[in-house]
PDB file of N, CA and C in Angstrom:
ATOM      1  N   MET A   1     144.622 135.064 224.054  1.00  0.00           N
ATOM      2  CA  MET A   1     143.850 134.577 225.156  1.00  0.00           C
ATOM      3  C   MET A   1     142.575 133.953 224.592  1.00  0.00           C
ATOM      4  N   ASP A   2     142.284 132.727 225.026  1.00  0.00           N
ATOM      5  CA  ASP A   2     141.095 132.029 224.543  1.00  0.00           C
ATOM      6  C   ASP A   2     139.888 132.220 225.451  1.00  0.00           C
ATOM      7  N   VAL A   3     140.110 132.141 226.765  1.00  0.00           N
ATOM      8  CA  VAL A   3     139.008 132.223 227.719  1.00  0.00           C
ATOM      9  C   VAL A   3     139.458 133.066 228.903  1.00  0.00           C
ATOM     10  N   PHE A   4     138.600 133.959 229.343  1.00  0.00           N
ATOM     11  CA  PHE A   4     138.880 134.802 230.497  1.00  0.00           C
ATOM     12  C   PHE A   4     138.223 134.164 231.710  1.00  0.00           C
ATOM     13  N   ASN A   5     139.021 133.736 232.673  1.00  0.00           N
ATOM     14  CA  ASN A   5     138.537 133.081 233.884  1.00  0.00           C
ATOM     15  C   ASN A   5     138.506 134.120 235.002  1.00  0.00           C
ATOM     16  N   THR A   6     137.329 134.421 235.495  1.00  0.00           N
ATOM     17  CA  THR A   6     137.226 135.381 236.587  1.00  0.00           C
ATOM     18  C   THR A   6     136.359 134.800 237.691  1.00  0.00           C
ATOM     19  N   GLY A   7     136.409 135.408 238.840  1.00  0.00           N
ATOM     20  CA  GLY A   7     135.619 134.910 239.957  1.00  0.00           C
ATOM     21  C   GLY A   7     135.538 135.929 241.071  1.00  0.00           C
ATOM     22  N   LEU A   8     134.624 135.720 241.972  1.00  0.00           N
ATOM     23  CA  LEU A   8     134.386 136.656 243.072  1.00  0.00           C
ATOM     24  C   LEU A   8     135.489 136.659 244.107  1.00  0.00           C
ATOM     25  N   GLY A   9     136.143 135.535 244.300  1.00  0.00           N
ATOM     26  CA  GLY A   9     137.137 135.413 245.354  1.00  0.00           C
ATOM     27  C   GLY A   9     138.327 136.319 245.165  1.00  0.00           C
ATOM     28  N   TYR A  10     138.467 136.858 243.984  1.00  0.00           N
ATOM     29  CA  TYR A  10     139.630 137.690 243.694  1.00  0.00           C
ATOM     30  C   TYR A  10     139.422 139.134 244.124  1.00  0.00           C
ATOM     31  N   ALA A  11     138.192 139.667 243.956  1.00  0.00           N
ATOM     32  CA  ALA A  11     137.980 141.073 244.286  1.00  0.00           C
ATOM     33  C   ALA A  11     136.554 141.407 244.702  1.00  0.00           C
ATOM     34  N   GLY A  12     135.613 140.485 244.585  1.00  0.00           N
ATOM     35  CA  GLY A  12     134.239 140.761 244.982  1.00  0.00           C
ATOM     36  C   GLY A  12     133.279 140.829 243.808  1.00  0.00           C
ATOM     37  N   ILE A  13     132.002 141.070 244.128  1.00  0.00           N
ATOM     38  CA  ILE A  13     130.936 141.009 243.133  1.00  0.00           C
ATOM     39  C   ILE A  13     131.078 142.090 242.057  1.00  0.00           C
ATOM     40  N   GLU A  14     131.163 143.341 242.435  1.00  0.00           N
ATOM     41  CA  GLU A  14     131.169 144.413 241.424  1.00  0.00           C
ATOM     42  C   GLU A  14     132.411 144.358 240.527  1.00  0.00           C
ATOM     43  N   PRO A  15     133.613 144.194 241.048  1.00  0.00           N
ATOM     44  CA  PRO A  15     134.760 144.053 240.143  1.00  0.00           C
ATOM     45  C   PRO A  15     134.628 142.853 239.200  1.00  0.00           C
ATOM     46  N   CYS A  16     134.032 141.779 239.683  1.00  0.00           N
ATOM     47  CA  CYS A  16     133.809 140.607 238.839  1.00  0.00           C
ATOM     48  C   CYS A  16     132.846 140.953 237.709  1.00  0.00           C
ATOM     49  N   ARG A  17     131.777 141.647 238.014  1.00  0.00           N
ATOM     50  CA  ARG A  17     130.813 142.053 236.982  1.00  0.00           C
ATOM     51  C   ARG A  17     131.476 142.967 235.951  1.00  0.00           C
ATOM     52  N   ARG A  18     132.325 143.886 236.410  1.00  0.00           N
ATOM     53  CA  ARG A  18     133.032 144.778 235.478  1.00  0.00           C
ATOM     54  C   ARG A  18     133.970 143.984 234.578  1.00  0.00           C
ATOM     55  N   THR A  19     134.606 142.963 235.136  1.00  0.00           N
ATOM     56  CA  THR A  19     135.514 142.127 234.346  1.00  0.00           C
ATOM     57  C   THR A  19     134.750 141.388 233.255  1.00  0.00           C
ATOM     58  N   PHE A  20     133.575 140.848 233.582  1.00  0.00           N
ATOM     59  CA  PHE A  20     132.756 140.199 232.559  1.00  0.00           C
ATOM     60  C   PHE A  20     132.353 141.206 231.482  1.00  0.00           C
ATOM     61  N   GLY A  21     132.025 142.432 231.892  1.00  0.00           N
ATOM     62  CA  GLY A  21     131.672 143.474 230.927  1.00  0.00           C
ATOM     63  C   GLY A  21     132.821 143.815 230.006  1.00  0.00           C
ATOM     64  N   MET A  22     134.028 143.912 230.568  1.00  0.00           N
ATOM     65  CA  MET A  22     135.208 144.205 229.757  1.00  0.00           C
ATOM     66  C   MET A  22     135.464 143.069 228.767  1.00  0.00           C
ATOM     67  N   ALA A  23     135.347 141.824 229.233  1.00  0.00           N
ATOM     68  CA  ALA A  23     135.541 140.679 228.348  1.00  0.00           C
ATOM     69  C   ALA A  23     134.548 140.719 227.203  1.00  0.00           C
ATOM     70  N   ARG A  24     133.326 141.098 227.503  1.00  0.00           N
ATOM     71  CA  ARG A  24     132.284 141.179 226.461  1.00  0.00           C
ATOM     72  C   ARG A  24     132.652 142.229 225.422  1.00  0.00           C
ATOM     73  N   GLN A  25     133.146 143.382 225.879  1.00  0.00           N
ATOM     74  CA  GLN A  25     133.542 144.451 224.953  1.00  0.00           C
ATOM     75  C   GLN A  25     134.640 144.001 223.995  1.00  0.00           C
ATOM     76  N   PHE A  26     135.550 143.171 224.481  1.00  0.00           N
ATOM     77  CA  PHE A  26     136.668 142.715 223.666  1.00  0.00           C
ATOM     78  C   PHE A  26     136.395 141.384 222.964  1.00  0.00           C
ATOM     79  N   GLY A  27     135.186 140.857 223.121  1.00  0.00           N
ATOM     80  CA  GLY A  27     134.824 139.624 222.442  1.00  0.00           C
ATOM     81  C   GLY A  27     135.508 138.385 222.993  1.00  0.00           C
ATOM     82  N   LEU A  28     135.899 138.424 224.275  1.00  0.00           N
ATOM     83  CA  LEU A  28     136.558 137.276 224.903  1.00  0.00           C
ATOM     84  C   LEU A  28     135.528 136.333 225.499  1.00  0.00           C
ATOM     85  N   ARG A  29     135.744 135.046 225.352  1.00  0.00           N
ATOM     86  CA  ARG A  29     134.888 134.060 226.016  1.00  0.00           C
ATOM     87  C   ARG A  29     135.223 134.067 227.502  1.00  0.00           C
ATOM     88  N   THR A  30     134.249 133.680 228.333  1.00  0.00           N
ATOM     89  CA  THR A  30     134.439 133.752 229.781  1.00  0.00           C
ATOM     90  C   THR A  30     133.968 132.489 230.480  1.00  0.00           C
ATOM     91  N   LEU A  31     134.469 132.343 231.684  1.00  0.00           N
ATOM     92  CA  LEU A  31     133.957 131.329 232.599  1.00  0.00           C
ATOM     93  C   LEU A  31     134.069 131.873 234.002  1.00  0.00           C
ATOM     94  N   MET A  32     133.217 131.379 234.881  1.00  0.00           N
ATOM     95  CA  MET A  32     133.231 131.781 236.291  1.00  0.00           C
ATOM     96  C   MET A  32     134.129 130.814 237.028  1.00  0.00           C
ATOM     97  N   GLY A  33     135.255 131.307 237.497  1.00  0.00           N
ATOM     98  CA  GLY A  33     136.179 130.463 238.243  1.00  0.00           C
ATOM     99  C   GLY A  33     135.657 130.148 239.633  1.00  0.00           C
ATOM    100  N   SER A  34     136.320 129.233 240.294  1.00  0.00           N
ATOM    101  CA  SER A  34     135.927 128.852 241.638  1.00  0.00           C
ATOM    102  C   SER A  34     137.173 128.546 242.452  1.00  0.00           C
ATOM    103  N   THR A  35     137.105 128.863 243.711  1.00  0.00           N
ATOM    104  CA  THR A  35     138.167 128.485 244.635  1.00  0.00           C
ATOM    105  C   THR A  35     137.607 127.522 245.674  1.00  0.00           C
ATOM    106  N   VAL A  36     136.597 126.758 245.274  1.00  0.00           N
ATOM    107  CA  VAL A  36     135.923 125.747 246.086  1.00  0.00           C
ATOM    108  C   VAL A  36     135.413 126.376 247.398  1.00  0.00           C
ATOM    109  N   GLU A  37     134.418 127.256 247.231  1.00  0.00           N
ATOM    110  CA  GLU A  37     133.840 128.001 248.350  1.00  0.00           C
ATOM    111  C   GLU A  37     132.818 127.181 249.114  1.00  0.00           C
ATOM    112  N   MET A  38     132.497 127.688 250.299  1.00  0.00           N
ATOM    113  CA  MET A  38     131.370 127.155 251.049  1.00  0.00           C
ATOM    114  C   MET A  38     130.091 127.734 250.435  1.00  0.00           C
ATOM    115  N   SER A  39     128.957 127.469 251.019  1.00  0.00           N
ATOM    116  CA  SER A  39     127.669 127.885 250.444  1.00  0.00           C
ATOM    117  C   SER A  39     127.533 129.394 250.262  1.00  0.00           C
ATOM    118  N   ILE A  40     128.077 130.204 251.160  1.00  0.00           N
ATOM    119  CA  ILE A  40     127.926 131.656 251.025  1.00  0.00           C
ATOM    120  C   ILE A  40     128.652 132.148 249.775  1.00  0.00           C
ATOM    121  N   GLY A  41     129.860 131.682 249.534  1.00  0.00           N
ATOM    122  CA  GLY A  41     130.601 132.062 248.334  1.00  0.00           C
ATOM    123  C   GLY A  41     129.979 131.501 247.075  1.00  0.00           C
ATOM    124  N   THR A  42     129.494 130.274 247.159  1.00  0.00           N
ATOM    125  CA  THR A  42     128.850 129.652 246.005  1.00  0.00           C
ATOM    126  C   THR A  42     127.568 130.395 245.653  1.00  0.00           C
ATOM    127  N   ALA A  43     126.786 130.795 246.662  1.00  0.00           N
ATOM    128  CA  ALA A  43     125.559 131.549 246.406  1.00  0.00           C
ATOM    129  C   ALA A  43     125.888 132.864 245.687  1.00  0.00           C
ATOM    130  N   ALA A  44     126.928 133.545 246.115  1.00  0.00           N
ATOM    131  CA  ALA A  44     127.322 134.797 245.457  1.00  0.00           C
ATOM    132  C   ALA A  44     127.721 134.533 244.007  1.00  0.00           C
ATOM    133  N   ARG A  45     128.484 133.494 243.757  1.00  0.00           N
ATOM    134  CA  ARG A  45     128.897 133.159 242.386  1.00  0.00           C
ATOM    135  C   ARG A  45     127.699 132.810 241.512  1.00  0.00           C
ATOM    136  N   VAL A  46     126.759 132.064 242.063  1.00  0.00           N
ATOM    137  CA  VAL A  46     125.587 131.664 241.294  1.00  0.00           C
ATOM    138  C   VAL A  46     124.774 132.897 240.881  1.00  0.00           C
ATOM    139  N   HIS A  47     124.634 133.858 241.785  1.00  0.00           N
ATOM    140  CA  HIS A  47     123.889 135.070 241.456  1.00  0.00           C
ATOM    141  C   HIS A  47     124.588 135.866 240.358  1.00  0.00           C
ATOM    142  N   VAL A  48     125.897 136.007 240.453  1.00  0.00           N
ATOM    143  CA  VAL A  48     126.636 136.729 239.415  1.00  0.00           C
ATOM    144  C   VAL A  48     126.543 135.972 238.090  1.00  0.00           C
ATOM    145  N   ALA A  49     126.705 134.664 238.124  1.00  0.00           N
ATOM    146  CA  ALA A  49     126.624 133.869 236.899  1.00  0.00           C
ATOM    147  C   ALA A  49     125.242 134.014 236.253  1.00  0.00           C
ATOM    148  N   ALA A  50     124.190 134.012 237.061  1.00  0.00           N
ATOM    149  CA  ALA A  50     122.836 134.134 236.527  1.00  0.00           C
ATOM    150  C   ALA A  50     122.595 135.501 235.893  1.00  0.00           C
ATOM    151  N   ALA A  51     123.325 136.517 236.355  1.00  0.00           N
ATOM    152  CA  ALA A  51     123.144 137.878 235.848  1.00  0.00           C
ATOM    153  C   ALA A  51     124.154 138.236 234.765  1.00  0.00           C
ATOM    154  N   THR A  52     124.957 137.287 234.335  1.00  0.00           N
ATOM    155  CA  THR A  52     126.000 137.542 233.348  1.00  0.00           C
ATOM    156  C   THR A  52     125.561 137.033 231.984  1.00  0.00           C
ATOM    157  N   ALA A  53     125.467 137.953 231.030  1.00  0.00           N
ATOM    158  CA  ALA A  53     124.992 137.592 229.688  1.00  0.00           C
ATOM    159  C   ALA A  53     126.031 136.797 228.907  1.00  0.00           C
ATOM    160  N   ASN A  54     127.289 136.991 229.200  1.00  0.00           N
ATOM    161  CA  ASN A  54     128.336 136.373 228.388  1.00  0.00           C
ATOM    162  C   ASN A  54     129.140 135.328 229.167  1.00  0.00           C
ATOM    163  N   LEU A  55     128.457 134.471 229.874  1.00  0.00           N
ATOM    164  CA  LEU A  55     129.123 133.353 230.548  1.00  0.00           C
ATOM    165  C   LEU A  55     129.119 132.186 229.557  1.00  0.00           C
ATOM    166  N   ASP A  56     130.281 131.907 228.991  1.00  0.00           N
ATOM    167  CA  ASP A  56     130.370 130.992 227.849  1.00  0.00           C
ATOM    168  C   ASP A  56     130.645 129.538 228.197  1.00  0.00           C
ATOM    169  N   HIS A  57     131.239 129.286 229.337  1.00  0.00           N
ATOM    170  CA  HIS A  57     131.636 127.918 229.685  1.00  0.00           C
ATOM    171  C   HIS A  57     131.052 127.517 231.030  1.00  0.00           C
ATOM    172  N   GLY A  58     130.891 126.239 231.203  1.00  0.00           N
ATOM    173  CA  GLY A  58     130.383 125.715 232.465  1.00  0.00           C
ATOM    174  C   GLY A  58     131.279 126.073 233.634  1.00  0.00           C
ATOM    175  N   CYS A  59     130.709 126.036 234.800  1.00  0.00           N
ATOM    176  CA  CYS A  59     131.428 126.427 236.009  1.00  0.00           C
ATOM    177  C   CYS A  59     131.446 125.258 236.992  1.00  0.00           C
ATOM    178  N   TYR A  60     132.498 125.187 237.769  1.00  0.00           N
ATOM    179  CA  TYR A  60     132.616 124.167 238.800  1.00  0.00           C
ATOM    180  C   TYR A  60     132.270 124.817 240.131  1.00  0.00           C
ATOM    181  N   MET A  61     131.015 124.776 240.509  1.00  0.00           N
ATOM    182  CA  MET A  61     130.572 125.387 241.766  1.00  0.00           C
ATOM    183  C   MET A  61     130.142 124.306 242.742  1.00  0.00           C
ATOM    184  N   ALA A  62     131.029 123.381 242.995  1.00  0.00           N
ATOM    185  CA  ALA A  62     130.689 122.237 243.834  1.00  0.00           C
ATOM    186  C   ALA A  62     131.350 122.288 245.211  1.00  0.00           C
ATOM    187  N   GLY A  63     131.872 123.437 245.598  1.00  0.00           N
ATOM    188  CA  GLY A  63     132.532 123.552 246.894  1.00  0.00           C
ATOM    189  C   GLY A  63     131.742 122.996 248.058  1.00  0.00           C
ATOM    190  N   PRO A  64     130.452 123.365 248.197  1.00  0.00           N
ATOM    191  CA  PRO A  64     129.682 122.855 249.333  1.00  0.00           C
ATOM    192  C   PRO A  64     129.566 121.327 249.354  1.00  0.00           C
ATOM    193  N   LEU A  65     129.786 120.696 248.233  1.00  0.00           N
ATOM    194  CA  LEU A  65     129.707 119.230 248.196  1.00  0.00           C
ATOM    195  C   LEU A  65     130.956 118.556 248.746  1.00  0.00           C
ATOM    196  N   VAL A  66     132.051 119.292 248.860  1.00  0.00           N
ATOM    197  CA  VAL A  66     133.295 118.677 249.330  1.00  0.00           C
ATOM    198  C   VAL A  66     133.634 119.017 250.779  1.00  0.00           C
ATOM    199  N   TYR A  67     132.942 120.001 251.351  1.00  0.00           N
ATOM    200  CA  TYR A  67     133.188 120.367 252.747  1.00  0.00           C
ATOM    201  C   TYR A  67     132.357 119.499 253.685  1.00  0.00           C
ATOM    202  N   HIS A  68     132.935 119.170 254.834  1.00  0.00           N
ATOM    203  CA  HIS A  68     132.185 118.438 255.864  1.00  0.00           C
ATOM    204  C   HIS A  68     131.306 119.391 256.667  1.00  0.00           C
ATOM    205  N   GLU A  69     131.716 120.651 256.734  1.00  0.00           N
ATOM    206  CA  GLU A  69     130.973 121.654 257.486  1.00  0.00           C
ATOM    207  C   GLU A  69     130.779 122.879 256.612  1.00  0.00           C
ATOM    208  N   ASP A  70     129.769 123.668 256.936  1.00  0.00           N
ATOM    209  CA  ASP A  70     129.486 124.886 256.188  1.00  0.00           C
ATOM    210  C   ASP A  70     129.091 125.960 257.191  1.00  0.00           C
ATOM    211  N   VAL A  71     128.941 127.188 256.749  1.00  0.00           N
ATOM    212  CA  VAL A  71     128.624 128.290 257.658  1.00  0.00           C
ATOM    213  C   VAL A  71     127.212 128.821 257.473  1.00  0.00           C
ATOM    214  N   THR A  72     126.397 128.117 256.700  1.00  0.00           N
ATOM    215  CA  THR A  72     125.019 128.557 256.481  1.00  0.00           C
ATOM    216  C   THR A  72     124.047 127.612 257.176  1.00  0.00           C
ATOM    217  N   VAL A  73     122.848 128.124 257.434  1.00  0.00           N
ATOM    218  CA  VAL A  73     121.810 127.308 258.067  1.00  0.00           C
ATOM    219  C   VAL A  73     121.521 126.102 257.178  1.00  0.00           C
ATOM    220  N   GLU A  74     121.316 126.346 255.890  1.00  0.00           N
ATOM    221  CA  GLU A  74     121.119 125.296 254.892  1.00  0.00           C
ATOM    222  C   GLU A  74     122.113 125.540 253.768  1.00  0.00           C
ATOM    223  N   PRO A  75     122.753 124.508 253.263  1.00  0.00           N
ATOM    224  CA  PRO A  75     123.686 124.715 252.154  1.00  0.00           C
ATOM    225  C   PRO A  75     122.936 125.039 250.857  1.00  0.00           C
ATOM    226  N   VAL A  76     123.666 125.553 249.868  1.00  0.00           N
ATOM    227  CA  VAL A  76     123.037 125.716 248.558  1.00  0.00           C
ATOM    228  C   VAL A  76     122.588 124.341 248.090  1.00  0.00           C
ATOM    229  N   ARG A  77     121.597 124.341 247.219  1.00  0.00           N
ATOM    230  CA  ARG A  77     121.030 123.064 246.767  1.00  0.00           C
ATOM    231  C   ARG A  77     121.424 122.791 245.320  1.00  0.00           C
ATOM    232  N   TYR A  78     121.468 121.509 245.015  1.00  0.00           N
ATOM    233  CA  TYR A  78     121.798 121.051 243.665  1.00  0.00           C
ATOM    234  C   TYR A  78     120.669 120.161 243.165  1.00  0.00           C
ATOM    235  N   GLU A  79     120.439 120.217 241.867  1.00  0.00           N
ATOM    236  CA  GLU A  79     119.427 119.364 241.255  1.00  0.00           C
ATOM    237  C   GLU A  79     119.922 118.962 239.868  1.00  0.00           C
ATOM    238  N   GLU A  80     119.967 117.667 239.637  1.00  0.00           N
ATOM    239  CA  GLU A  80     120.413 117.124 238.354  1.00  0.00           C
ATOM    240  C   GLU A  80     121.761 117.694 237.924  1.00  0.00           C
ATOM    241  N   GLY A  81     122.690 117.781 238.865  1.00  0.00           N
ATOM    242  CA  GLY A  81     124.044 118.240 238.566  1.00  0.00           C
ATOM    243  C   GLY A  81     124.203 119.738 238.440  1.00  0.00           C
ATOM    244  N   GLN A  82     123.157 120.497 238.746  1.00  0.00           N
ATOM    245  CA  GLN A  82     123.210 121.951 238.643  1.00  0.00           C
ATOM    246  C   GLN A  82     122.985 122.576 240.013  1.00  0.00           C
ATOM    247  N   VAL A  83     123.729 123.629 240.316  1.00  0.00           N
ATOM    248  CA  VAL A  83     123.479 124.363 241.551  1.00  0.00           C
ATOM    249  C   VAL A  83     122.269 125.260 241.299  1.00  0.00           C
ATOM    250  N   LEU A  84     121.351 125.291 242.250  1.00  0.00           N
ATOM    251  CA  LEU A  84     120.134 126.090 242.117  1.00  0.00           C
ATOM    252  C   LEU A  84     120.381 127.516 242.607  1.00  0.00           C
ATOM    253  N   LEU A  85     119.786 128.466 241.943  1.00  0.00           N
ATOM    254  CA  LEU A  85     119.897 129.864 242.334  1.00  0.00           C
ATOM    255  C   LEU A  85     119.098 130.071 243.619  1.00  0.00           C
ATOM    256  N   PRO A  86     119.764 130.418 244.732  1.00  0.00           N
ATOM    257  CA  PRO A  86     119.030 130.651 245.979  1.00  0.00           C
ATOM    258  C   PRO A  86     118.074 131.831 245.808  1.00  0.00           C
ATOM    259  N   ASP A  87     116.870 131.726 246.384  1.00  0.00           N
ATOM    260  CA  ASP A  87     115.876 132.767 246.149  1.00  0.00           C
ATOM    261  C   ASP A  87     115.448 133.532 247.396  1.00  0.00           C
ATOM    262  N   GLY A  88     116.165 133.385 248.484  1.00  0.00           N
ATOM    263  CA  GLY A  88     115.840 134.142 249.692  1.00  0.00           C
ATOM    264  C   GLY A  88     116.401 135.552 249.627  1.00  0.00           C
ATOM    265  N   PRO A  89     116.258 136.321 250.705  1.00  0.00           N
ATOM    266  CA  PRO A  89     116.791 137.688 250.747  1.00  0.00           C
ATOM    267  C   PRO A  89     118.310 137.706 250.568  1.00  0.00           C
ATOM    268  N   GLY A  90     118.822 138.786 250.039  1.00  0.00           N
ATOM    269  CA  GLY A  90     120.272 138.918 249.845  1.00  0.00           C
ATOM    270  C   GLY A  90     120.785 137.881 248.872  1.00  0.00           C
ATOM    271  N   LEU A  91     121.758 137.117 249.305  1.00  0.00           N
ATOM    272  CA  LEU A  91     122.311 136.058 248.455  1.00  0.00           C
ATOM    273  C   LEU A  91     121.478 134.787 248.491  1.00  0.00           C
ATOM    274  N   GLY A  92     120.447 134.764 249.337  1.00  0.00           N
ATOM    275  CA  GLY A  92     119.546 133.618 249.371  1.00  0.00           C
ATOM    276  C   GLY A  92     119.940 132.536 250.349  1.00  0.00           C
ATOM    277  N   VAL A  93     121.000 132.743 251.095  1.00  0.00           N
ATOM    278  CA  VAL A  93     121.402 131.795 252.141  1.00  0.00           C
ATOM    279  C   VAL A  93     121.561 132.563 253.443  1.00  0.00           C
ATOM    280  N   GLU A  94     121.335 131.882 254.542  1.00  0.00           N
ATOM    281  CA  GLU A  94     121.417 132.519 255.861  1.00  0.00           C
ATOM    282  C   GLU A  94     122.635 131.999 256.605  1.00  0.00           C
ATOM    283  N   LEU A  95     123.473 132.928 257.054  1.00  0.00           N
ATOM    284  CA  LEU A  95     124.631 132.524 257.851  1.00  0.00           C
ATOM    285  C   LEU A  95     124.179 132.017 259.209  1.00  0.00           C
ATOM    286  N   ASP A  96     124.870 131.005 259.721  1.00  0.00           N
ATOM    287  CA  ASP A  96     124.590 130.429 261.036  1.00  0.00           C
ATOM    288  C   ASP A  96     125.692 130.894 261.990  1.00  0.00           C
ATOM    289  N   PRO A  97     125.366 131.779 262.941  1.00  0.00           N
ATOM    290  CA  PRO A  97     126.388 132.322 263.839  1.00  0.00           C
ATOM    291  C   PRO A  97     127.141 131.251 264.629  1.00  0.00           C
ATOM    292  N   GLU A  98     126.457 130.202 265.051  1.00  0.00           N
ATOM    293  CA  GLU A  98     127.119 129.124 265.801  1.00  0.00           C
ATOM    294  C   GLU A  98     128.142 128.391 264.937  1.00  0.00           C
ATOM    295  N   LYS A  99     127.783 128.119 263.706  1.00  0.00           N
ATOM    296  CA  LYS A  99     128.717 127.447 262.787  1.00  0.00           C
ATOM    297  C   LYS A  99     129.915 128.344 262.487  1.00  0.00           C
ATOM    298  N   LEU A 100     129.667 129.639 262.356  1.00  0.00           N
ATOM    299  CA  LEU A 100     130.773 130.580 262.140  1.00  0.00           C
ATOM    300  C   LEU A 100     131.737 130.558 263.316  1.00  0.00           C
ATOM    301  N   ARG A 101     131.181 130.595 264.540  1.00  0.00           N
ATOM    302  CA  ARG A 101     132.035 130.583 265.739  1.00  0.00           C
ATOM    303  C   ARG A 101     132.839 129.284 265.821  1.00  0.00           C
ATOM    304  N   ALA A 102     132.194 128.177 265.497  1.00  0.00           N
ATOM    305  CA  ALA A 102     132.870 126.877 265.592  1.00  0.00           C
ATOM    306  C   ALA A 102     134.026 126.750 264.613  1.00  0.00           C
ATOM    307  N   LEU A 103     133.943 127.412 263.485  1.00  0.00           N
ATOM    308  CA  LEU A 103     134.992 127.318 262.473  1.00  0.00           C
ATOM    309  C   LEU A 103     136.014 128.439 262.531  1.00  0.00           C
ATOM    310  N   ARG A 104     135.807 129.377 263.450  1.00  0.00           N
ATOM    311  CA  ARG A 104     136.734 130.494 263.596  1.00  0.00           C
ATOM    312  C   ARG A 104     138.102 129.993 264.044  1.00  0.00           C
ATOM    313  N   ILE A 105     139.115 130.566 263.454  1.00  0.00           N
ATOM    314  CA  ILE A 105     140.501 130.183 263.813  1.00  0.00           C
ATOM    315  C   ILE A 105     141.035 131.150 264.839  1.00  0.00           C
TER     316      ILE A 105
END
């Protein structure tokens, strides 16, 4: 195995952090995978990526750029091709209840 690809969409924040820790113990290179999330998922990934010491490869966290609609008051922000770490409470983005209702299936 050359690179261990993990992400939050598979099991959540804590299991993802444990997976990065296990990869570090075994000397495996890592990358943060993406399933092209909206801003809430991207914000969670950005926080985990920022707190991961052994993130070896670039990540594709551009989901909010491809959606026409999102479920947050403001989408995550990008600057010079990089997603910015949200700095508000929690994950740094605020869910919009009206947008959630509109996108409910």
